[in-house]
Amino acid sequence: MYRDTTSDSPWVLLYTTNTIWEAELLRGYLIANSVEAVVVPQVDTMRGLTVGLLAIAKVYVPAPQFSEAEKLLDTYLQERT
């Protein structure tokens, strides 16, 4: 997991995972709670890998919604365990 609040971009990185499905689940959770989110997959398409270190997926949220998204992320991660 990685959180980056130092960017001047209108979208900031909230979470990084090595499975696209986990990023999509988190995105759905955020959207269901009124926080916009996008998933940026960085899959190694040459080898067709969809899990592991060569299949990183990042979840970005709008900078103004970062605080709310961070709280939701904490709740989401606690509910998973």
PDB file of N, CA and C in Angstrom:
ATOM      1  N   MET A   1       0.845  -1.170   0.000  1.00  0.00           N
ATOM      2  CA  MET A   1       0.000   0.000   0.000  1.00  0.00           C
ATOM      3  C   MET A   1       0.892   1.236   0.000  1.00  0.00           C
ATOM      4  N   TYR A   2       0.465   2.277  -0.740  1.00  0.00           N
ATOM      5  CA  TYR A   2       1.227   3.508  -0.825  1.00  0.00           C
ATOM      6  C   TYR A   2       0.264   4.671  -0.957  1.00  0.00           C
ATOM      7  N   ARG A   3       0.464   5.685  -0.165  1.00  0.00           N
ATOM      8  CA  ARG A   3      -0.370   6.878  -0.240  1.00  0.00           C
ATOM      9  C   ARG A   3       0.515   8.077  -0.549  1.00  0.00           C
ATOM     10  N   ASP A   4       0.137   8.843  -1.534  1.00  0.00           N
ATOM     11  CA  ASP A   4       0.926   9.995  -1.951  1.00  0.00           C
ATOM     12  C   ASP A   4       0.055  11.238  -1.924  1.00  0.00           C
ATOM     13  N   THR A   5       0.345  12.140  -0.993  1.00  0.00           N
ATOM     14  CA  THR A   5      -0.415  13.388  -0.904  1.00  0.00           C
ATOM     15  C   THR A   5       0.435  14.585  -1.331  1.00  0.00           C
ATOM     16  N   THR A   6       1.613  14.341  -1.883  1.00  0.00           N
ATOM     17  CA  THR A   6       2.520  15.433  -2.219  1.00  0.00           C
ATOM     18  C   THR A   6       2.322  15.972  -3.624  1.00  0.00           C
ATOM     19  N   SER A   7       1.522  15.334  -4.413  1.00  0.00           N
ATOM     20  CA  SER A   7       1.347  15.723  -5.806  1.00  0.00           C
ATOM     21  C   SER A   7       0.450  16.955  -5.942  1.00  0.00           C
ATOM     22  N   ASP A   8       0.729  17.767  -6.954  1.00  0.00           N
ATOM     23  CA  ASP A   8      -0.120  18.917  -7.271  1.00  0.00           C
ATOM     24  C   ASP A   8      -1.203  18.543  -8.272  1.00  0.00           C
ATOM     25  N   SER A   9      -1.248  17.305  -8.663  1.00  0.00           N
ATOM     26  CA  SER A   9      -2.227  16.810  -9.622  1.00  0.00           C
ATOM     27  C   SER A   9      -3.630  16.860  -9.026  1.00  0.00           C
ATOM     28  N   PRO A  10      -4.639  17.015  -9.877  1.00  0.00           N
ATOM     29  CA  PRO A  10      -6.009  16.982  -9.356  1.00  0.00           C
ATOM     30  C   PRO A  10      -6.387  15.580  -8.866  1.00  0.00           C
ATOM     31  N   TRP A  11      -5.667  14.550  -9.306  1.00  0.00           N
ATOM     32  CA  TRP A  11      -5.870  13.177  -8.847  1.00  0.00           C
ATOM     33  C   TRP A  11      -4.643  12.755  -8.064  1.00  0.00           C
ATOM     34  N   VAL A  12      -4.860  12.101  -6.926  1.00  0.00           N
ATOM     35  CA  VAL A  12      -3.739  11.656  -6.103  1.00  0.00           C
ATOM     36  C   VAL A  12      -3.828  10.153  -5.873  1.00  0.00           C
ATOM     37  N   LEU A  13      -2.672   9.554  -5.713  1.00  0.00           N
ATOM     38  CA  LEU A  13      -2.586   8.121  -5.485  1.00  0.00           C
ATOM     39  C   LEU A  13      -3.031   7.787  -4.068  1.00  0.00           C
ATOM     40  N   LEU A  14      -3.997   6.889  -3.974  1.00  0.00           N
ATOM     41  CA  LEU A  14      -4.502   6.456  -2.672  1.00  0.00           C
ATOM     42  C   LEU A  14      -3.955   5.089  -2.295  1.00  0.00           C
ATOM     43  N   TYR A  15      -3.876   4.169  -3.270  1.00  0.00           N
ATOM     44  CA  TYR A  15      -3.578   2.783  -2.941  1.00  0.00           C
ATOM     45  C   TYR A  15      -2.933   2.079  -4.127  1.00  0.00           C
ATOM     46  N   THR A  16      -1.988   1.206  -3.831  1.00  0.00           N
ATOM     47  CA  THR A  16      -1.343   0.384  -4.848  1.00  0.00           C
ATOM     48  C   THR A  16      -1.442  -1.070  -4.429  1.00  0.00           C
ATOM     49  N   THR A  17      -1.789  -1.918  -5.370  1.00  0.00           N
ATOM     50  CA  THR A  17      -1.907  -3.345  -5.103  1.00  0.00           C
ATOM     51  C   THR A  17      -1.337  -4.126  -6.282  1.00  0.00           C
ATOM     52  N   ASN A  18      -1.164  -5.424  -6.100  1.00  0.00           N
ATOM     53  CA  ASN A  18      -0.633  -6.225  -7.206  1.00  0.00           C
ATOM     54  C   ASN A  18      -1.697  -7.106  -7.850  1.00  0.00           C
ATOM     55  N   THR A  19      -2.971  -6.777  -7.601  1.00  0.00           N
ATOM     56  CA  THR A  19      -4.051  -7.464  -8.304  1.00  0.00           C
ATOM     57  C   THR A  19      -5.071  -6.433  -8.768  1.00  0.00           C
ATOM     58  N   ILE A  20      -5.435  -6.519 -10.028  1.00  0.00           N
ATOM     59  CA  ILE A  20      -6.395  -5.571 -10.593  1.00  0.00           C
ATOM     60  C   ILE A  20      -7.762  -5.729  -9.924  1.00  0.00           C
ATOM     61  N   TRP A  21      -8.159  -6.963  -9.639  1.00  0.00           N
ATOM     62  CA  TRP A  21      -9.481  -7.177  -9.038  1.00  0.00           C
ATOM     63  C   TRP A  21      -9.589  -6.507  -7.673  1.00  0.00           C
ATOM     64  N   GLU A  22      -8.493  -6.486  -6.895  1.00  0.00           N
ATOM     65  CA  GLU A  22      -8.546  -5.821  -5.592  1.00  0.00           C
ATOM     66  C   GLU A  22      -8.712  -4.313  -5.767  1.00  0.00           C
ATOM     67  N   ALA A  23      -8.000  -3.752  -6.738  1.00  0.00           N
ATOM     68  CA  ALA A  23      -8.129  -2.322  -7.017  1.00  0.00           C
ATOM     69  C   ALA A  23      -9.543  -1.989  -7.467  1.00  0.00           C
ATOM     70  N   GLU A  24     -10.137  -2.848  -8.292  1.00  0.00           N
ATOM     71  CA  GLU A  24     -11.510  -2.621  -8.758  1.00  0.00           C
ATOM     72  C   GLU A  24     -12.519  -2.739  -7.620  1.00  0.00           C
ATOM     73  N   LEU A  25     -12.290  -3.667  -6.699  1.00  0.00           N
ATOM     74  CA  LEU A  25     -13.177  -3.780  -5.531  1.00  0.00           C
ATOM     75  C   LEU A  25     -13.119  -2.509  -4.684  1.00  0.00           C
ATOM     76  N   LEU A  26     -11.910  -2.016  -4.447  1.00  0.00           N
ATOM     77  CA  LEU A  26     -11.751  -0.783  -3.677  1.00  0.00           C
ATOM     78  C   LEU A  26     -12.405   0.383  -4.406  1.00  0.00           C
ATOM     79  N   ARG A  27     -12.215   0.465  -5.705  1.00  0.00           N
ATOM     80  CA  ARG A  27     -12.845   1.532  -6.497  1.00  0.00           C
ATOM     81  C   ARG A  27     -14.361   1.501  -6.335  1.00  0.00           C
ATOM     82  N   GLY A  28     -14.941   0.313  -6.433  1.00  0.00           N
ATOM     83  CA  GLY A  28     -16.383   0.175  -6.247  1.00  0.00           C
ATOM     84  C   GLY A  28     -16.835   0.597  -4.863  1.00  0.00           C
ATOM     85  N   TYR A  29     -16.063   0.249  -3.859  1.00  0.00           N
ATOM     86  CA  TYR A  29     -16.374   0.636  -2.474  1.00  0.00           C
ATOM     87  C   TYR A  29     -16.346   2.159  -2.328  1.00  0.00           C
ATOM     88  N   LEU A  30     -15.331   2.783  -2.904  1.00  0.00           N
ATOM     89  CA  LEU A  30     -15.232   4.241  -2.824  1.00  0.00           C
ATOM     90  C   LEU A  30     -16.394   4.914  -3.554  1.00  0.00           C
ATOM     91  N   ILE A  31     -16.696   4.445  -4.748  1.00  0.00           N
ATOM     92  CA  ILE A  31     -17.797   5.031  -5.525  1.00  0.00           C
ATOM     93  C   ILE A  31     -19.124   4.849  -4.801  1.00  0.00           C
ATOM     94  N   ALA A  32     -19.320   3.689  -4.177  1.00  0.00           N
ATOM     95  CA  ALA A  32     -20.548   3.443  -3.421  1.00  0.00           C
ATOM     96  C   ALA A  32     -20.685   4.393  -2.234  1.00  0.00           C
ATOM     97  N   ASN A  33     -19.550   4.952  -1.812  1.00  0.00           N
ATOM     98  CA  ASN A  33     -19.546   5.897  -0.705  1.00  0.00           C
ATOM     99  C   ASN A  33     -19.300   7.331  -1.176  1.00  0.00           C
ATOM    100  N   SER A  34     -19.671   7.597  -2.420  1.00  0.00           N
ATOM    101  CA  SER A  34     -19.658   8.948  -3.007  1.00  0.00           C
ATOM    102  C   SER A  34     -18.272   9.566  -3.178  1.00  0.00           C
ATOM    103  N   VAL A  35     -17.252   8.731  -3.380  1.00  0.00           N
ATOM    104  CA  VAL A  35     -15.910   9.230  -3.664  1.00  0.00           C
ATOM    105  C   VAL A  35     -15.532   8.735  -5.064  1.00  0.00           C
ATOM    106  N   GLU A  36     -15.197   9.673  -5.936  1.00  0.00           N
ATOM    107  CA  GLU A  36     -14.762   9.288  -7.278  1.00  0.00           C
ATOM    108  C   GLU A  36     -13.441   8.531  -7.178  1.00  0.00           C
ATOM    109  N   ALA A  37     -13.243   7.582  -8.068  1.00  0.00           N
ATOM    110  CA  ALA A  37     -11.992   6.820  -8.066  1.00  0.00           C
ATOM    111  C   ALA A  37     -11.763   6.218  -9.445  1.00  0.00           C
ATOM    112  N   VAL A  38     -10.493   6.093  -9.797  1.00  0.00           N
ATOM    113  CA  VAL A  38     -10.113   5.420 -11.035  1.00  0.00           C
ATOM    114  C   VAL A  38      -9.002   4.426 -10.732  1.00  0.00           C
ATOM    115  N   VAL A  39      -8.977   3.360 -11.522  1.00  0.00           N
ATOM    116  CA  VAL A  39      -7.920   2.359 -11.414  1.00  0.00           C
ATOM    117  C   VAL A  39      -7.013   2.508 -12.625  1.00  0.00           C
ATOM    118  N   VAL A  40      -5.729   2.579 -12.359  1.00  0.00           N
ATOM    119  CA  VAL A  40      -4.739   2.641 -13.429  1.00  0.00           C
ATOM    120  C   VAL A  40      -3.917   1.357 -13.354  1.00  0.00           C
ATOM    121  N   PRO A  41      -4.229   0.401 -14.235  1.00  0.00           N
ATOM    122  CA  PRO A  41      -3.461  -0.852 -14.226  1.00  0.00           C
ATOM    123  C   PRO A  41      -2.135  -0.686 -14.953  1.00  0.00           C
ATOM    124  N   GLN A  42      -1.131  -1.333 -14.444  1.00  0.00           N
ATOM    125  CA  GLN A  42       0.177  -1.330 -15.095  1.00  0.00           C
ATOM    126  C   GLN A  42       0.601  -2.782 -15.291  1.00  0.00           C
ATOM    127  N   VAL A  43      -0.198  -3.487 -16.073  1.00  0.00           N
ATOM    128  CA  VAL A  43      -0.002  -4.912 -16.302  1.00  0.00           C
ATOM    129  C   VAL A  43       1.088  -5.133 -17.343  1.00  0.00           C
ATOM    130  N   ASP A  44       1.912  -6.126 -17.112  1.00  0.00           N
ATOM    131  CA  ASP A  44       2.929  -6.520 -18.071  1.00  0.00           C
ATOM    132  C   ASP A  44       2.232  -7.301 -19.192  1.00  0.00           C
ATOM    133  N   THR A  45       1.779  -6.596 -20.209  1.00  0.00           N
ATOM    134  CA  THR A  45       0.998  -7.225 -21.270  1.00  0.00           C
ATOM    135  C   THR A  45       1.834  -8.136 -22.163  1.00  0.00           C
ATOM    136  N   MET A  46       3.114  -7.921 -22.193  1.00  0.00           N
ATOM    137  CA  MET A  46       3.961  -8.773 -23.025  1.00  0.00           C
ATOM    138  C   MET A  46       3.933 -10.216 -22.520  1.00  0.00           C
ATOM    139  N   ARG A  47       3.905 -10.374 -21.217  1.00  0.00           N
ATOM    140  CA  ARG A  47       3.882 -11.710 -20.638  1.00  0.00           C
ATOM    141  C   ARG A  47       2.476 -12.134 -20.213  1.00  0.00           C
ATOM    142  N   GLY A  48       1.518 -11.220 -20.262  1.00  0.00           N
ATOM    143  CA  GLY A  48       0.140 -11.539 -19.908  1.00  0.00           C
ATOM    144  C   GLY A  48      -0.065 -11.780 -18.416  1.00  0.00           C
ATOM    145  N   LEU A  49       0.782 -11.192 -17.598  1.00  0.00           N
ATOM    146  CA  LEU A  49       0.663 -11.395 -16.155  1.00  0.00           C
ATOM    147  C   LEU A  49      -0.416 -10.490 -15.568  1.00  0.00           C
ATOM    148  N   THR A  50      -1.257 -11.048 -14.722  1.00  0.00           N
ATOM    149  CA  THR A  50      -2.328 -10.254 -14.107  1.00  0.00           C
ATOM    150  C   THR A  50      -2.242 -10.237 -12.591  1.00  0.00           C
ATOM    151  N   VAL A  51      -1.251 -10.890 -12.013  1.00  0.00           N
ATOM    152  CA  VAL A  51      -1.002 -10.826 -10.567  1.00  0.00           C
ATOM    153  C   VAL A  51       0.502 -10.774 -10.339  1.00  0.00           C
ATOM    154  N   GLY A  52       0.886 -10.345  -9.166  1.00  0.00           N
ATOM    155  CA  GLY A  52       2.303 -10.302  -8.820  1.00  0.00           C
ATOM    156  C   GLY A  52       2.921  -8.949  -9.073  1.00  0.00           C
ATOM    157  N   LEU A  53       4.235  -8.897  -8.951  1.00  0.00           N
ATOM    158  CA  LEU A  53       4.955  -7.633  -9.046  1.00  0.00           C
ATOM    159  C   LEU A  53       4.935  -7.002 -10.426  1.00  0.00           C
ATOM    160  N   LEU A  54       4.582  -7.770 -11.434  1.00  0.00           N
ATOM    161  CA  LEU A  54       4.522  -7.219 -12.793  1.00  0.00           C
ATOM    162  C   LEU A  54       3.102  -6.847 -13.198  1.00  0.00           C
ATOM    163  N   ALA A  55       2.199  -6.776 -12.236  1.00  0.00           N
ATOM    164  CA  ALA A  55       0.802  -6.433 -12.524  1.00  0.00           C
ATOM    165  C   ALA A  55       0.280  -5.444 -11.488  1.00  0.00           C
ATOM    166  N   ILE A  56       0.937  -4.334 -11.363  1.00  0.00           N
ATOM    167  CA  ILE A  56       0.562  -3.324 -10.383  1.00  0.00           C
ATOM    168  C   ILE A  56      -0.699  -2.587 -10.836  1.00  0.00           C
ATOM    169  N   ALA A  57      -1.589  -2.326  -9.884  1.00  0.00           N
ATOM    170  CA  ALA A  57      -2.781  -1.521 -10.144  1.00  0.00           C
ATOM    171  C   ALA A  57      -2.837  -0.422  -9.082  1.00  0.00           C
ATOM    172  N   LYS A  58      -3.051   0.793  -9.530  1.00  0.00           N
ATOM    173  CA  LYS A  58      -3.087   1.943  -8.619  1.00  0.00           C
ATOM    174  C   LYS A  58      -4.484   2.545  -8.612  1.00  0.00           C
ATOM    175  N   VAL A  59      -4.924   2.967  -7.433  1.00  0.00           N
ATOM    176  CA  VAL A  59      -6.229   3.610  -7.274  1.00  0.00           C
ATOM    177  C   VAL A  59      -5.980   5.085  -6.980  1.00  0.00           C
ATOM    178  N   TYR A  60      -6.544   5.926  -7.825  1.00  0.00           N
ATOM    179  CA  TYR A  60      -6.419   7.379  -7.675  1.00  0.00           C
ATOM    180  C   TYR A  60      -7.776   7.974  -7.325  1.00  0.00           C
ATOM    181  N   VAL A  61      -7.732   9.045  -6.515  1.00  0.00           N
ATOM    182  CA  VAL A  61      -8.941   9.786  -6.149  1.00  0.00           C
ATOM    183  C   VAL A  61      -8.681  11.273  -6.354  1.00  0.00           C
ATOM    184  N   PRO A  62      -9.739  12.072  -6.531  1.00  0.00           N
ATOM    185  CA  PRO A  62      -9.544  13.517  -6.661  1.00  0.00           C
ATOM    186  C   PRO A  62      -8.938  14.087  -5.375  1.00  0.00           C
ATOM    187  N   ALA A  63      -8.011  15.007  -5.526  1.00  0.00           N
ATOM    188  CA  ALA A  63      -7.333  15.587  -4.371  1.00  0.00           C
ATOM    189  C   ALA A  63      -8.301  16.114  -3.306  1.00  0.00           C
ATOM    190  N   PRO A  64      -9.386  16.807  -3.689  1.00  0.00           N
ATOM    191  CA  PRO A  64     -10.301  17.316  -2.660  1.00  0.00           C
ATOM    192  C   PRO A  64     -11.013  16.211  -1.864  1.00  0.00           C
ATOM    193  N   GLN A  65     -11.068  15.002  -2.416  1.00  0.00           N
ATOM    194  CA  GLN A  65     -11.748  13.901  -1.735  1.00  0.00           C
ATOM    195  C   GLN A  65     -10.775  12.942  -1.044  1.00  0.00           C
ATOM    196  N   PHE A  66      -9.500  13.299  -1.018  1.00  0.00           N
ATOM    197  CA  PHE A  66      -8.493  12.383  -0.484  1.00  0.00           C
ATOM    198  C   PHE A  66      -8.726  12.041   0.982  1.00  0.00           C
ATOM    199  N   SER A  67      -9.029  13.026   1.808  1.00  0.00           N
ATOM    200  CA  SER A  67      -9.221  12.763   3.243  1.00  0.00           C
ATOM    201  C   SER A  67     -10.349  11.767   3.480  1.00  0.00           C
ATOM    202  N   GLU A  68     -11.459  11.970   2.794  1.00  0.00           N
ATOM    203  CA  GLU A  68     -12.587  11.048   2.920  1.00  0.00           C
ATOM    204  C   GLU A  68     -12.217   9.671   2.384  1.00  0.00           C
ATOM    205  N   ALA A  69     -11.510   9.639   1.266  1.00  0.00           N
ATOM    206  CA  ALA A  69     -11.093   8.365   0.673  1.00  0.00           C
ATOM    207  C   ALA A  69     -10.151   7.614   1.607  1.00  0.00           C
ATOM    208  N   GLU A  70      -9.280   8.333   2.263  1.00  0.00           N
ATOM    209  CA  GLU A  70      -8.334   7.699   3.194  1.00  0.00           C
ATOM    210  C   GLU A  70      -9.070   7.051   4.370  1.00  0.00           C
ATOM    211  N   LYS A  71     -10.082   7.722   4.876  1.00  0.00           N
ATOM    212  CA  LYS A  71     -10.893   7.145   5.960  1.00  0.00           C
ATOM    213  C   LYS A  71     -11.618   5.894   5.471  1.00  0.00           C
ATOM    214  N   LEU A  72     -12.184   5.979   4.283  1.00  0.00           N
ATOM    215  CA  LEU A  72     -12.874   4.824   3.716  1.00  0.00           C
ATOM    216  C   LEU A  72     -11.908   3.672   3.456  1.00  0.00           C
ATOM    217  N   LEU A  73     -10.702   3.990   3.014  1.00  0.00           N
ATOM    218  CA  LEU A  73      -9.692   2.956   2.783  1.00  0.00           C
ATOM    219  C   LEU A  73      -9.363   2.230   4.087  1.00  0.00           C
ATOM    220  N   ASP A  74      -9.184   2.985   5.155  1.00  0.00           N
ATOM    221  CA  ASP A  74      -8.898   2.366   6.450  1.00  0.00           C
ATOM    222  C   ASP A  74     -10.025   1.428   6.868  1.00  0.00           C
ATOM    223  N   THR A  75     -11.258   1.864   6.698  1.00  0.00           N
ATOM    224  CA  THR A  75     -12.411   1.022   7.015  1.00  0.00           C
ATOM    225  C   THR A  75     -12.437  -0.206   6.131  1.00  0.00           C
ATOM    226  N   TYR A  76     -12.210  -0.020   4.842  1.00  0.00           N
ATOM    227  CA  TYR A  76     -12.205  -1.129   3.888  1.00  0.00           C
ATOM    228  C   TYR A  76     -11.165  -2.176   4.268  1.00  0.00           C
ATOM    229  N   LEU A  77      -9.967  -1.722   4.606  1.00  0.00           N
ATOM    230  CA  LEU A  77      -8.902  -2.658   4.955  1.00  0.00           C
ATOM    231  C   LEU A  77      -9.178  -3.379   6.276  1.00  0.00           C
ATOM    232  N   GLN A  78      -9.803  -2.705   7.222  1.00  0.00           N
ATOM    233  CA  GLN A  78     -10.159  -3.348   8.492  1.00  0.00           C
ATOM    234  C   GLN A  78     -11.244  -4.396   8.281  1.00  0.00           C
ATOM    235  N   GLU A  79     -12.192  -4.125   7.405  1.00  0.00           N
ATOM    236  CA  GLU A  79     -13.279  -5.069   7.144  1.00  0.00           C
ATOM    237  C   GLU A  79     -12.786  -6.317   6.426  1.00  0.00           C
ATOM    238  N   ARG A  80     -11.693  -6.200   5.691  1.00  0.00           N
ATOM    239  CA  ARG A  80     -11.144  -7.357   4.970  1.00  0.00           C
ATOM    240  C   ARG A  80     -10.502  -8.372   5.887  1.00  0.00           C
ATOM    241  N   THR A  81     -10.023  -7.939   7.030  1.00  0.00           N
ATOM    242  CA  THR A  81      -9.306  -8.858   7.919  1.00  0.00           C
ATOM    243  C   THR A  81     -10.211  -9.575   8.889  1.00  0.00           C
TER     244      THR A  81
END
